[in-house]
Full PDB file with SEQRES, HELIX, SHEET, SSBOND, CRYST1, ORIGX, SCALE, CONECT and MASTER records, all heavy atoms in Angstrom:
SEQRES   1 A   40  HIS PHE PHE GLY GLY ALA GLU MET THR LEU LEU ILE ALA          
SEQRES   2 A   40  MET ALA PHE ASP ARG TYR VAL ALA ILE CYS LYS PRO LEU          
SEQRES   3 A   40  HIS TYR ARG THR ILE MET SER ARG ARG LEU LEU ASN GLY          
SEQRES   4 A   40  LEU                                                          
HELIX    1 AA1 PHE A    2  CYS A   23  1                                  22    
HELIX    2 AA2 PRO A   25  HIS A   27  5                                   3    
HELIX    3 AA3 TYR A   28  ILE A   31  1                                   4    
HELIX    4 AA4 ARG A   34  GLY A   39  1                                   6    
CRYST1    1.000    1.000    1.000  90.00  90.00  90.00 P 1           1          
ORIGX1      1.000000  0.000000  0.000000        0.00000                         
ORIGX2      0.000000  1.000000  0.000000        0.00000                         
ORIGX3      0.000000  0.000000  1.000000        0.00000                         
SCALE1      1.000000  0.000000  0.000000        0.00000                         
SCALE2      0.000000  1.000000  0.000000        0.00000                         
SCALE3      0.000000  0.000000  1.000000        0.00000                         
ATOM      1  N   HIS A   1      10.054 -17.374  -2.133  1.00  0.00           N  
ATOM      2  CA  HIS A   1      10.755 -17.657  -0.819  1.00  0.00           C  
ATOM      3  C   HIS A   1       9.783 -17.630   0.329  1.00  0.00           C  
ATOM      4  O   HIS A   1      10.002 -18.229   1.347  1.00  0.00           O  
ATOM      5  CB  HIS A   1      11.885 -16.619  -0.642  1.00  0.00           C  
ATOM      6  CG  HIS A   1      13.048 -16.819  -1.541  1.00  0.00           C  
ATOM      7  ND1 HIS A   1      14.151 -17.573  -1.007  1.00  0.00           N  
ATOM      8  CD2 HIS A   1      13.339 -16.438  -2.755  1.00  0.00           C  
ATOM      9  CE1 HIS A   1      15.054 -17.711  -2.035  1.00  0.00           C  
ATOM     10  NE2 HIS A   1      14.596 -16.946  -3.080  1.00  0.00           N  
ATOM     11  N   PHE A   2       8.677 -16.957   0.228  1.00  0.00           N  
ATOM     12  CA  PHE A   2       7.628 -16.893   1.293  1.00  0.00           C  
ATOM     13  C   PHE A   2       7.018 -18.370   1.376  1.00  0.00           C  
ATOM     14  O   PHE A   2       7.073 -18.976   2.515  1.00  0.00           O  
ATOM     15  CB  PHE A   2       6.555 -15.905   0.898  1.00  0.00           C  
ATOM     16  CG  PHE A   2       5.387 -16.001   1.772  1.00  0.00           C  
ATOM     17  CD1 PHE A   2       5.491 -15.927   3.196  1.00  0.00           C  
ATOM     18  CD2 PHE A   2       4.044 -16.251   1.280  1.00  0.00           C  
ATOM     19  CE1 PHE A   2       4.298 -16.060   3.922  1.00  0.00           C  
ATOM     20  CE2 PHE A   2       2.980 -16.281   2.003  1.00  0.00           C  
ATOM     21  CZ  PHE A   2       3.063 -16.202   3.420  1.00  0.00           C  
ATOM     22  N   PHE A   3       6.581 -18.830   0.294  1.00  0.00           N  
ATOM     23  CA  PHE A   3       5.922 -20.200   0.366  1.00  0.00           C  
ATOM     24  C   PHE A   3       6.944 -21.270   0.578  1.00  0.00           C  
ATOM     25  O   PHE A   3       6.770 -22.309   1.245  1.00  0.00           O  
ATOM     26  CB  PHE A   3       5.131 -20.550  -0.911  1.00  0.00           C  
ATOM     27  CG  PHE A   3       4.004 -19.606  -1.093  1.00  0.00           C  
ATOM     28  CD1 PHE A   3       3.826 -18.838  -2.270  1.00  0.00           C  
ATOM     29  CD2 PHE A   3       2.920 -19.710  -0.169  1.00  0.00           C  
ATOM     30  CE1 PHE A   3       2.675 -18.076  -2.437  1.00  0.00           C  
ATOM     31  CE2 PHE A   3       1.814 -18.847  -0.362  1.00  0.00           C  
ATOM     32  CZ  PHE A   3       1.688 -18.045  -1.434  1.00  0.00           C  
ATOM     33  N   GLY A   4       8.280 -21.089   0.088  1.00  0.00           N  
ATOM     34  CA  GLY A   4       9.317 -22.032   0.269  1.00  0.00           C  
ATOM     35  C   GLY A   4       9.685 -22.149   1.715  1.00  0.00           C  
ATOM     36  O   GLY A   4       9.927 -23.215   2.339  1.00  0.00           O  
ATOM     37  N   GLY A   5       9.776 -20.897   2.373  1.00  0.00           N  
ATOM     38  CA  GLY A   5      10.224 -20.964   3.767  1.00  0.00           C  
ATOM     39  C   GLY A   5       9.137 -21.534   4.678  1.00  0.00           C  
ATOM     40  O   GLY A   5       9.408 -22.199   5.645  1.00  0.00           O  
ATOM     41  N   ALA A   6       7.832 -21.289   4.289  1.00  0.00           N  
ATOM     42  CA  ALA A   6       6.743 -21.844   5.045  1.00  0.00           C  
ATOM     43  C   ALA A   6       6.708 -23.343   4.934  1.00  0.00           C  
ATOM     44  O   ALA A   6       6.476 -24.125   5.945  1.00  0.00           O  
ATOM     45  CB  ALA A   6       5.398 -21.187   4.566  1.00  0.00           C  
ATOM     46  N   GLU A   7       6.927 -23.879   3.720  1.00  0.00           N  
ATOM     47  CA  GLU A   7       6.911 -25.352   3.471  1.00  0.00           C  
ATOM     48  C   GLU A   7       8.092 -25.989   4.249  1.00  0.00           C  
ATOM     49  O   GLU A   7       8.018 -27.116   4.759  1.00  0.00           O  
ATOM     50  CB  GLU A   7       6.933 -25.643   1.966  1.00  0.00           C  
ATOM     51  CG  GLU A   7       6.837 -27.114   1.707  1.00  0.00           C  
ATOM     52  CD  GLU A   7       6.521 -27.376   0.245  1.00  0.00           C  
ATOM     53  OE1 GLU A   7       5.945 -26.557  -0.430  1.00  0.00           O  
ATOM     54  OE2 GLU A   7       6.800 -28.557  -0.128  1.00  0.00           O  
ATOM     55  N   MET A   8       9.292 -25.273   4.264  1.00  0.00           N  
ATOM     56  CA  MET A   8      10.393 -25.832   5.035  1.00  0.00           C  
ATOM     57  C   MET A   8      10.104 -26.106   6.396  1.00  0.00           C  
ATOM     58  O   MET A   8      10.357 -27.146   7.014  1.00  0.00           O  
ATOM     59  CB  MET A   8      11.532 -24.788   4.861  1.00  0.00           C  
ATOM     60  CG  MET A   8      12.912 -25.380   5.195  1.00  0.00           C  
ATOM     61  SD  MET A   8      14.182 -24.080   5.003  1.00  0.00           S  
ATOM     62  CE  MET A   8      13.865 -23.567   3.295  1.00  0.00           C  
ATOM     63  N   THR A   9       9.419 -25.182   7.100  1.00  0.00           N  
ATOM     64  CA  THR A   9       9.099 -25.220   8.489  1.00  0.00           C  
ATOM     65  C   THR A   9       7.935 -26.328   8.634  1.00  0.00           C  
ATOM     66  O   THR A   9       7.915 -27.097   9.670  1.00  0.00           O  
ATOM     67  CB  THR A   9       8.508 -23.902   8.968  1.00  0.00           C  
ATOM     68  OG1 THR A   9       9.464 -22.897   8.781  1.00  0.00           O  
ATOM     69  CG2 THR A   9       8.298 -24.048  10.518  1.00  0.00           C  
ATOM     70  N   LEU A  10       7.016 -26.370   7.738  1.00  0.00           N  
ATOM     71  CA  LEU A  10       5.914 -27.387   7.792  1.00  0.00           C  
ATOM     72  C   LEU A  10       6.411 -28.827   7.668  1.00  0.00           C  
ATOM     73  O   LEU A  10       5.958 -29.734   8.360  1.00  0.00           O  
ATOM     74  CB  LEU A  10       4.933 -27.077   6.647  1.00  0.00           C  
ATOM     75  CG  LEU A  10       3.566 -27.896   6.774  1.00  0.00           C  
ATOM     76  CD1 LEU A  10       2.842 -27.499   8.073  1.00  0.00           C  
ATOM     77  CD2 LEU A  10       2.687 -27.740   5.579  1.00  0.00           C  
ATOM     78  N   LEU A  11       7.474 -29.019   6.878  1.00  0.00           N  
ATOM     79  CA  LEU A  11       8.030 -30.401   6.715  1.00  0.00           C  
ATOM     80  C   LEU A  11       8.726 -30.801   8.022  1.00  0.00           C  
ATOM     81  O   LEU A  11       8.736 -31.996   8.459  1.00  0.00           O  
ATOM     82  CB  LEU A  11       9.093 -30.403   5.618  1.00  0.00           C  
ATOM     83  CG  LEU A  11       8.479 -30.315   4.201  1.00  0.00           C  
ATOM     84  CD1 LEU A  11       9.517 -30.135   3.197  1.00  0.00           C  
ATOM     85  CD2 LEU A  11       7.688 -31.606   3.901  1.00  0.00           C  
ATOM     86  N   ILE A  12       9.304 -29.858   8.770  1.00  0.00           N  
ATOM     87  CA  ILE A  12       9.859 -30.117  10.063  1.00  0.00           C  
ATOM     88  C   ILE A  12       8.759 -30.481  11.072  1.00  0.00           C  
ATOM     89  O   ILE A  12       8.844 -31.458  11.863  1.00  0.00           O  
ATOM     90  CB  ILE A  12      10.694 -28.888  10.577  1.00  0.00           C  
ATOM     91  CG1 ILE A  12      11.928 -28.696   9.691  1.00  0.00           C  
ATOM     92  CG2 ILE A  12      11.163 -29.186  12.076  1.00  0.00           C  
ATOM     93  CD1 ILE A  12      12.699 -27.460  10.133  1.00  0.00           C  
ATOM     94  N   ALA A  13       7.652 -29.750  10.960  1.00  0.00           N  
ATOM     95  CA  ALA A  13       6.465 -30.161  11.777  1.00  0.00           C  
ATOM     96  C   ALA A  13       5.888 -31.495  11.490  1.00  0.00           C  
ATOM     97  O   ALA A  13       5.456 -32.196  12.455  1.00  0.00           O  
ATOM     98  CB  ALA A  13       5.357 -29.043  11.617  1.00  0.00           C  
ATOM     99  N   MET A  14       5.908 -31.846  10.327  1.00  0.00           N  
ATOM    100  CA  MET A  14       5.441 -33.125   9.862  1.00  0.00           C  
ATOM    101  C   MET A  14       6.418 -34.259  10.411  1.00  0.00           C  
ATOM    102  O   MET A  14       5.905 -35.359  10.815  1.00  0.00           O  
ATOM    103  CB  MET A  14       5.280 -33.294   8.366  1.00  0.00           C  
ATOM    104  CG  MET A  14       4.223 -32.443   7.771  1.00  0.00           C  
ATOM    105  SD  MET A  14       4.044 -32.446   6.012  1.00  0.00           S  
ATOM    106  CE  MET A  14       3.277 -34.115   5.828  1.00  0.00           C  
ATOM    107  N   ALA A  15       7.671 -34.049  10.411  1.00  0.00           N  
ATOM    108  CA  ALA A  15       8.703 -34.935  11.025  1.00  0.00           C  
ATOM    109  C   ALA A  15       8.372 -35.052  12.454  1.00  0.00           C  
ATOM    110  O   ALA A  15       8.495 -36.254  13.045  1.00  0.00           O  
ATOM    111  CB  ALA A  15      10.107 -34.505  10.753  1.00  0.00           C  
ATOM    112  N   PHE A  16       8.099 -33.966  13.182  1.00  0.00           N  
ATOM    113  CA  PHE A  16       7.833 -34.044  14.604  1.00  0.00           C  
ATOM    114  C   PHE A  16       6.521 -34.833  14.875  1.00  0.00           C  
ATOM    115  O   PHE A  16       6.419 -35.653  15.810  1.00  0.00           O  
ATOM    116  CB  PHE A  16       7.656 -32.619  15.200  1.00  0.00           C  
ATOM    117  CG  PHE A  16       7.284 -32.628  16.621  1.00  0.00           C  
ATOM    118  CD1 PHE A  16       8.175 -32.960  17.571  1.00  0.00           C  
ATOM    119  CD2 PHE A  16       5.972 -32.210  16.976  1.00  0.00           C  
ATOM    120  CE1 PHE A  16       7.777 -33.019  18.943  1.00  0.00           C  
ATOM    121  CE2 PHE A  16       5.651 -32.141  18.303  1.00  0.00           C  
ATOM    122  CZ  PHE A  16       6.463 -32.559  19.302  1.00  0.00           C  
ATOM    123  N   ASP A  17       5.589 -34.688  14.003  1.00  0.00           N  
ATOM    124  CA  ASP A  17       4.276 -35.392  14.106  1.00  0.00           C  
ATOM    125  C   ASP A  17       4.565 -36.883  14.039  1.00  0.00           C  
ATOM    126  O   ASP A  17       4.010 -37.665  14.747  1.00  0.00           O  
ATOM    127  CB  ASP A  17       3.321 -34.971  13.007  1.00  0.00           C  
ATOM    128  CG  ASP A  17       2.085 -35.807  13.004  1.00  0.00           C  
ATOM    129  OD1 ASP A  17       1.226 -35.700  13.766  1.00  0.00           O  
ATOM    130  OD2 ASP A  17       2.067 -36.667  12.010  1.00  0.00           O  
ATOM    131  N   ARG A  18       5.389 -37.389  13.027  1.00  0.00           N  
ATOM    132  CA  ARG A  18       5.733 -38.786  12.916  1.00  0.00           C  
ATOM    133  C   ARG A  18       6.461 -39.283  14.127  1.00  0.00           C  
ATOM    134  O   ARG A  18       6.313 -40.528  14.513  1.00  0.00           O  
ATOM    135  CB  ARG A  18       6.446 -39.001  11.578  1.00  0.00           C  
ATOM    136  CG  ARG A  18       5.650 -38.768  10.265  1.00  0.00           C  
ATOM    137  CD  ARG A  18       4.477 -39.770  10.266  1.00  0.00           C  
ATOM    138  NE  ARG A  18       3.289 -39.211  11.012  1.00  0.00           N  
ATOM    139  CZ  ARG A  18       2.283 -39.950  11.455  1.00  0.00           C  
ATOM    140  NH1 ARG A  18       2.259 -41.168  11.288  1.00  0.00           N  
ATOM    141  NH2 ARG A  18       1.243 -39.362  12.060  1.00  0.00           N  
ATOM    142  N   TYR A  19       7.393 -38.439  14.697  1.00  0.00           N  
ATOM    143  CA  TYR A  19       8.134 -38.876  15.814  1.00  0.00           C  
ATOM    144  C   TYR A  19       7.147 -39.196  16.955  1.00  0.00           C  
ATOM    145  O   TYR A  19       7.276 -40.229  17.657  1.00  0.00           O  
ATOM    146  CB  TYR A  19       9.109 -37.858  16.172  1.00  0.00           C  
ATOM    147  CG  TYR A  19       9.726 -38.020  17.563  1.00  0.00           C  
ATOM    148  CD1 TYR A  19      10.719 -38.918  17.775  1.00  0.00           C  
ATOM    149  CD2 TYR A  19       9.260 -37.311  18.690  1.00  0.00           C  
ATOM    150  CE1 TYR A  19      11.268 -39.132  19.004  1.00  0.00           C  
ATOM    151  CE2 TYR A  19       9.786 -37.527  19.939  1.00  0.00           C  
ATOM    152  CZ  TYR A  19      10.745 -38.435  20.138  1.00  0.00           C  
ATOM    153  OH  TYR A  19      11.380 -38.610  21.353  1.00  0.00           O  
ATOM    154  N   VAL A  20       6.211 -38.271  17.264  1.00  0.00           N  
ATOM    155  CA  VAL A  20       5.335 -38.412  18.370  1.00  0.00           C  
ATOM    156  C   VAL A  20       4.369 -39.696  18.084  1.00  0.00           C  
ATOM    157  O   VAL A  20       4.205 -40.477  19.080  1.00  0.00           O  
ATOM    158  CB  VAL A  20       4.437 -37.180  18.575  1.00  0.00           C  
ATOM    159  CG1 VAL A  20       3.436 -37.463  19.653  1.00  0.00           C  
ATOM    160  CG2 VAL A  20       5.327 -36.031  18.930  1.00  0.00           C  
ATOM    161  N   ALA A  21       3.926 -39.839  16.823  1.00  0.00           N  
ATOM    162  CA  ALA A  21       3.007 -40.800  16.444  1.00  0.00           C  
ATOM    163  C   ALA A  21       3.703 -42.327  16.700  1.00  0.00           C  
ATOM    164  O   ALA A  21       3.049 -43.241  17.136  1.00  0.00           O  
ATOM    165  CB  ALA A  21       2.481 -40.727  15.063  1.00  0.00           C  
ATOM    166  N   ILE A  22       4.974 -42.365  16.400  1.00  0.00           N  
ATOM    167  CA  ILE A  22       5.579 -43.739  16.375  1.00  0.00           C  
ATOM    168  C   ILE A  22       6.327 -43.942  17.721  1.00  0.00           C  
ATOM    169  O   ILE A  22       6.233 -45.069  18.228  1.00  0.00           O  
ATOM    170  CB  ILE A  22       6.609 -43.783  15.191  1.00  0.00           C  
ATOM    171  CG1 ILE A  22       5.847 -43.817  13.889  1.00  0.00           C  
ATOM    172  CG2 ILE A  22       7.504 -45.050  15.346  1.00  0.00           C  
ATOM    173  CD1 ILE A  22       6.704 -43.713  12.612  1.00  0.00           C  
ATOM    174  N   CYS A  23       6.890 -42.915  18.285  1.00  0.00           N  
ATOM    175  CA  CYS A  23       7.677 -43.120  19.507  1.00  0.00           C  
ATOM    176  C   CYS A  23       6.864 -42.865  20.790  1.00  0.00           C  
ATOM    177  O   CYS A  23       7.210 -43.510  21.809  1.00  0.00           O  
ATOM    178  CB  CYS A  23       8.905 -42.143  19.495  1.00  0.00           C  
ATOM    179  SG  CYS A  23      10.121 -42.493  18.156  1.00  0.00           S  
ATOM    180  N   LYS A  24       5.756 -42.132  20.718  1.00  0.00           N  
ATOM    181  CA  LYS A  24       4.930 -41.862  21.876  1.00  0.00           C  
ATOM    182  C   LYS A  24       3.499 -42.034  21.455  1.00  0.00           C  
ATOM    183  O   LYS A  24       2.672 -41.053  21.636  1.00  0.00           O  
ATOM    184  CB  LYS A  24       5.225 -40.467  22.462  1.00  0.00           C  
ATOM    185  CG  LYS A  24       6.677 -40.261  22.887  1.00  0.00           C  
ATOM    186  CD  LYS A  24       6.913 -38.874  23.390  1.00  0.00           C  
ATOM    187  CE  LYS A  24       8.361 -38.641  23.781  1.00  0.00           C  
ATOM    188  NZ  LYS A  24       8.758 -39.522  24.950  1.00  0.00           N  
ATOM    189  N   PRO A  25       3.052 -43.176  21.078  1.00  0.00           N  
ATOM    190  CA  PRO A  25       1.714 -43.390  20.462  1.00  0.00           C  
ATOM    191  C   PRO A  25       0.634 -43.195  21.535  1.00  0.00           C  
ATOM    192  O   PRO A  25      -0.427 -42.674  21.148  1.00  0.00           O  
ATOM    193  CB  PRO A  25       1.732 -44.864  19.992  1.00  0.00           C  
ATOM    194  CG  PRO A  25       2.830 -45.575  20.770  1.00  0.00           C  
ATOM    195  CD  PRO A  25       3.832 -44.435  20.939  1.00  0.00           C  
ATOM    196  N   LEU A  26       0.859 -43.520  22.858  1.00  0.00           N  
ATOM    197  CA  LEU A  26      -0.162 -43.341  23.849  1.00  0.00           C  
ATOM    198  C   LEU A  26      -0.409 -41.864  24.177  1.00  0.00           C  
ATOM    199  O   LEU A  26      -1.479 -41.625  24.667  1.00  0.00           O  
ATOM    200  CB  LEU A  26       0.282 -44.137  25.133  1.00  0.00           C  
ATOM    201  CG  LEU A  26       0.471 -45.571  24.981  1.00  0.00           C  
ATOM    202  CD1 LEU A  26       0.870 -46.225  26.325  1.00  0.00           C  
ATOM    203  CD2 LEU A  26      -0.845 -46.232  24.466  1.00  0.00           C  
ATOM    204  N   HIS A  27       0.520 -40.993  23.890  1.00  0.00           N  
ATOM    205  CA  HIS A  27       0.318 -39.586  24.158  1.00  0.00           C  
ATOM    206  C   HIS A  27       0.172 -38.726  22.932  1.00  0.00           C  
ATOM    207  O   HIS A  27       0.234 -37.562  22.926  1.00  0.00           O  
ATOM    208  CB  HIS A  27       1.572 -39.097  24.911  1.00  0.00           C  
ATOM    209  CG  HIS A  27       1.892 -39.851  26.133  1.00  0.00           C  
ATOM    210  ND1 HIS A  27       1.138 -39.765  27.314  1.00  0.00           N  
ATOM    211  CD2 HIS A  27       2.854 -40.779  26.427  1.00  0.00           C  
ATOM    212  CE1 HIS A  27       1.655 -40.466  28.261  1.00  0.00           C  
ATOM    213  NE2 HIS A  27       2.678 -41.195  27.754  1.00  0.00           N  
ATOM    214  N   TYR A  28      -0.071 -39.482  21.825  1.00  0.00           N  
ATOM    215  CA  TYR A  28      -0.066 -38.711  20.504  1.00  0.00           C  
ATOM    216  C   TYR A  28      -1.152 -37.652  20.446  1.00  0.00           C  
ATOM    217  O   TYR A  28      -0.920 -36.539  20.142  1.00  0.00           O  
ATOM    218  CB  TYR A  28      -0.275 -39.782  19.415  1.00  0.00           C  
ATOM    219  CG  TYR A  28      -0.348 -39.191  17.985  1.00  0.00           C  
ATOM    220  CD1 TYR A  28       0.720 -38.445  17.420  1.00  0.00           C  
ATOM    221  CD2 TYR A  28      -1.525 -39.294  17.187  1.00  0.00           C  
ATOM    222  CE1 TYR A  28       0.632 -37.899  16.219  1.00  0.00           C  
ATOM    223  CE2 TYR A  28      -1.581 -38.736  15.975  1.00  0.00           C  
ATOM    224  CZ  TYR A  28      -0.524 -38.029  15.490  1.00  0.00           C  
ATOM    225  OH  TYR A  28      -0.644 -37.494  14.169  1.00  0.00           O  
ATOM    226  N   ARG A  29      -2.402 -38.078  20.781  1.00  0.00           N  
ATOM    227  CA  ARG A  29      -3.512 -37.106  20.717  1.00  0.00           C  
ATOM    228  C   ARG A  29      -3.416 -35.932  21.667  1.00  0.00           C  
ATOM    229  O   ARG A  29      -3.804 -34.823  21.418  1.00  0.00           O  
ATOM    230  CB  ARG A  29      -4.849 -37.825  20.927  1.00  0.00           C  
ATOM    231  CG  ARG A  29      -5.298 -38.793  19.809  1.00  0.00           C  
ATOM    232  CD  ARG A  29      -5.739 -37.939  18.675  1.00  0.00           C  
ATOM    233  NE  ARG A  29      -6.226 -38.776  17.563  1.00  0.00           N  
ATOM    234  CZ  ARG A  29      -6.789 -38.238  16.444  1.00  0.00           C  
ATOM    235  NH1 ARG A  29      -6.859 -36.887  16.254  1.00  0.00           N  
ATOM    236  NH2 ARG A  29      -7.150 -39.058  15.523  1.00  0.00           N  
ATOM    237  N   THR A  30      -2.743 -36.259  22.808  1.00  0.00           N  
ATOM    238  CA  THR A  30      -2.583 -35.249  23.836  1.00  0.00           C  
ATOM    239  C   THR A  30      -1.476 -34.154  23.409  1.00  0.00           C  
ATOM    240  O   THR A  30      -1.711 -32.994  23.546  1.00  0.00           O  
ATOM    241  CB  THR A  30      -2.112 -35.811  25.163  1.00  0.00           C  
ATOM    242  OG1 THR A  30      -3.104 -36.807  25.570  1.00  0.00           O  
ATOM    243  CG2 THR A  30      -2.017 -34.802  26.166  1.00  0.00           C  
ATOM    244  N   ILE A  31      -0.430 -34.797  22.870  1.00  0.00           N  
ATOM    245  CA  ILE A  31       0.695 -33.844  22.413  1.00  0.00           C  
ATOM    246  C   ILE A  31       0.326 -33.055  21.254  1.00  0.00           C  
ATOM    247  O   ILE A  31       0.412 -31.801  21.117  1.00  0.00           O  
ATOM    248  CB  ILE A  31       1.964 -34.620  22.163  1.00  0.00           C  
ATOM    249  CG1 ILE A  31       2.441 -35.259  23.502  1.00  0.00           C  
ATOM    250  CG2 ILE A  31       3.027 -33.734  21.601  1.00  0.00           C  
ATOM    251  CD1 ILE A  31       3.667 -36.172  23.324  1.00  0.00           C  
ATOM    252  N   MET A  32      -0.216 -33.820  20.127  1.00  0.00           N  
ATOM    253  CA  MET A  32      -0.599 -33.174  18.886  1.00  0.00           C  
ATOM    254  C   MET A  32      -1.988 -32.599  18.986  1.00  0.00           C  
ATOM    255  O   MET A  32      -2.895 -33.013  18.240  1.00  0.00           O  
ATOM    256  CB  MET A  32      -0.391 -34.178  17.828  1.00  0.00           C  
ATOM    257  CG  MET A  32       1.047 -34.672  17.533  1.00  0.00           C  
ATOM    258  SD  MET A  32       2.285 -33.367  17.318  1.00  0.00           S  
ATOM    259  CE  MET A  32       1.763 -32.609  15.748  1.00  0.00           C  
ATOM    260  N   SER A  33      -2.180 -31.714  19.902  1.00  0.00           N  
ATOM    261  CA  SER A  33      -3.547 -31.106  20.043  1.00  0.00           C  
ATOM    262  C   SER A  33      -3.796 -30.103  18.905  1.00  0.00           C  
ATOM    263  O   SER A  33      -2.966 -29.702  18.147  1.00  0.00           O  
ATOM    264  CB  SER A  33      -3.593 -30.370  21.428  1.00  0.00           C  
ATOM    265  OG  SER A  33      -2.660 -29.363  21.473  1.00  0.00           O  
ATOM    266  N   ARG A  34      -5.161 -29.783  18.812  1.00  0.00           N  
ATOM    267  CA  ARG A  34      -5.475 -28.818  17.831  1.00  0.00           C  
ATOM    268  C   ARG A  34      -4.791 -27.514  18.045  1.00  0.00           C  
ATOM    269  O   ARG A  34      -4.393 -26.784  17.109  1.00  0.00           O  
ATOM    270  CB  ARG A  34      -7.038 -28.554  17.843  1.00  0.00           C  
ATOM    271  CG  ARG A  34      -7.528 -27.457  16.908  1.00  0.00           C  
ATOM    272  CD  ARG A  34      -7.194 -27.802  15.480  1.00  0.00           C  
ATOM    273  NE  ARG A  34      -7.863 -29.003  15.042  1.00  0.00           N  
ATOM    274  CZ  ARG A  34      -7.803 -29.357  13.716  1.00  0.00           C  
ATOM    275  NH1 ARG A  34      -7.135 -28.656  12.844  1.00  0.00           N  
ATOM    276  NH2 ARG A  34      -8.496 -30.464  13.332  1.00  0.00           N  
ATOM    277  N   ARG A  35      -4.530 -27.142  19.282  1.00  0.00           N  
ATOM    278  CA  ARG A  35      -3.810 -25.807  19.573  1.00  0.00           C  
ATOM    279  C   ARG A  35      -2.461 -25.911  19.087  1.00  0.00           C  
ATOM    280  O   ARG A  35      -1.985 -24.948  18.471  1.00  0.00           O  
ATOM    281  CB  ARG A  35      -3.917 -25.588  21.075  1.00  0.00           C  
ATOM    282  CG  ARG A  35      -3.200 -24.306  21.497  1.00  0.00           C  
ATOM    283  CD  ARG A  35      -3.360 -24.088  22.954  1.00  0.00           C  
ATOM    284  NE  ARG A  35      -2.656 -22.890  23.466  1.00  0.00           N  
ATOM    285  CZ  ARG A  35      -2.636 -22.474  24.673  1.00  0.00           C  
ATOM    286  NH1 ARG A  35      -3.254 -23.211  25.690  1.00  0.00           N  
ATOM    287  NH2 ARG A  35      -2.051 -21.265  24.957  1.00  0.00           N  
ATOM    288  N   LEU A  36      -1.762 -26.996  19.291  1.00  0.00           N  
ATOM    289  CA  LEU A  36      -0.426 -27.162  18.837  1.00  0.00           C  
ATOM    290  C   LEU A  36      -0.319 -27.136  17.309  1.00  0.00           C  
ATOM    291  O   LEU A  36       0.551 -26.511  16.672  1.00  0.00           O  
ATOM    292  CB  LEU A  36       0.240 -28.349  19.334  1.00  0.00           C  
ATOM    293  CG  LEU A  36       1.741 -28.682  18.859  1.00  0.00           C  
ATOM    294  CD1 LEU A  36       2.592 -27.577  19.320  1.00  0.00           C  
ATOM    295  CD2 LEU A  36       2.234 -30.067  19.500  1.00  0.00           C  
ATOM    296  N   LEU A  37      -1.279 -27.886  16.655  1.00  0.00           N  
ATOM    297  CA  LEU A  37      -1.233 -27.964  15.212  1.00  0.00           C  
ATOM    298  C   LEU A  37      -1.478 -26.489  14.628  1.00  0.00           C  
ATOM    299  O   LEU A  37      -0.827 -26.282  13.595  1.00  0.00           O  
ATOM    300  CB  LEU A  37      -2.425 -28.831  14.710  1.00  0.00           C  
ATOM    301  CG  LEU A  37      -2.159 -30.380  14.980  1.00  0.00           C  
ATOM    302  CD1 LEU A  37      -3.387 -31.178  14.730  1.00  0.00           C  
ATOM    303  CD2 LEU A  37      -1.006 -30.898  14.150  1.00  0.00           C  
ATOM    304  N   ASN A  38      -2.345 -25.801  15.153  1.00  0.00           N  
ATOM    305  CA  ASN A  38      -2.598 -24.430  14.616  1.00  0.00           C  
ATOM    306  C   ASN A  38      -1.402 -23.548  14.831  1.00  0.00           C  
ATOM    307  O   ASN A  38      -0.983 -22.730  13.963  1.00  0.00           O  
ATOM    308  CB  ASN A  38      -3.888 -23.724  15.344  1.00  0.00           C  
ATOM    309  CG  ASN A  38      -5.136 -24.423  14.923  1.00  0.00           C  
ATOM    310  OD1 ASN A  38      -5.303 -24.991  13.795  1.00  0.00           O  
ATOM    311  ND2 ASN A  38      -6.161 -24.439  15.795  1.00  0.00           N  
ATOM    312  N   GLY A  39      -0.755 -23.783  15.937  1.00  0.00           N  
ATOM    313  CA  GLY A  39       0.465 -23.025  16.195  1.00  0.00           C  
ATOM    314  C   GLY A  39       1.596 -23.377  15.329  1.00  0.00           C  
ATOM    315  O   GLY A  39       2.310 -22.506  14.801  1.00  0.00           O  
ATOM    316  N   LEU A  40       1.800 -24.652  14.979  1.00  0.00           N  
ATOM    317  CA  LEU A  40       2.731 -25.090  13.991  1.00  0.00           C  
ATOM    318  C   LEU A  40       2.490 -24.494  12.575  1.00  0.00           C  
ATOM    319  O   LEU A  40       3.420 -24.066  11.824  1.00  0.00           O  
ATOM    320  CB  LEU A  40       2.811 -26.558  13.916  1.00  0.00           C  
ATOM    321  CG  LEU A  40       3.388 -27.257  15.179  1.00  0.00           C  
ATOM    322  CD1 LEU A  40       3.170 -28.810  15.026  1.00  0.00           C  
ATOM    323  CD2 LEU A  40       4.807 -26.968  15.326  1.00  0.00           C  
TER     324      LEU A  40                                                      
MASTER        0    0    0    4    0    0    0    6  323    1    0    4          
END                                                                             
């Protein structure tokens, strides 16, 4: 349940990443910064 719960959250983060990449491509690098990625 530890690894399952972590993967559940990570899949949501990956969905958010695809949303930013496709819907806001000009701001992708700014929004998906290293700090945000580490936080996710």
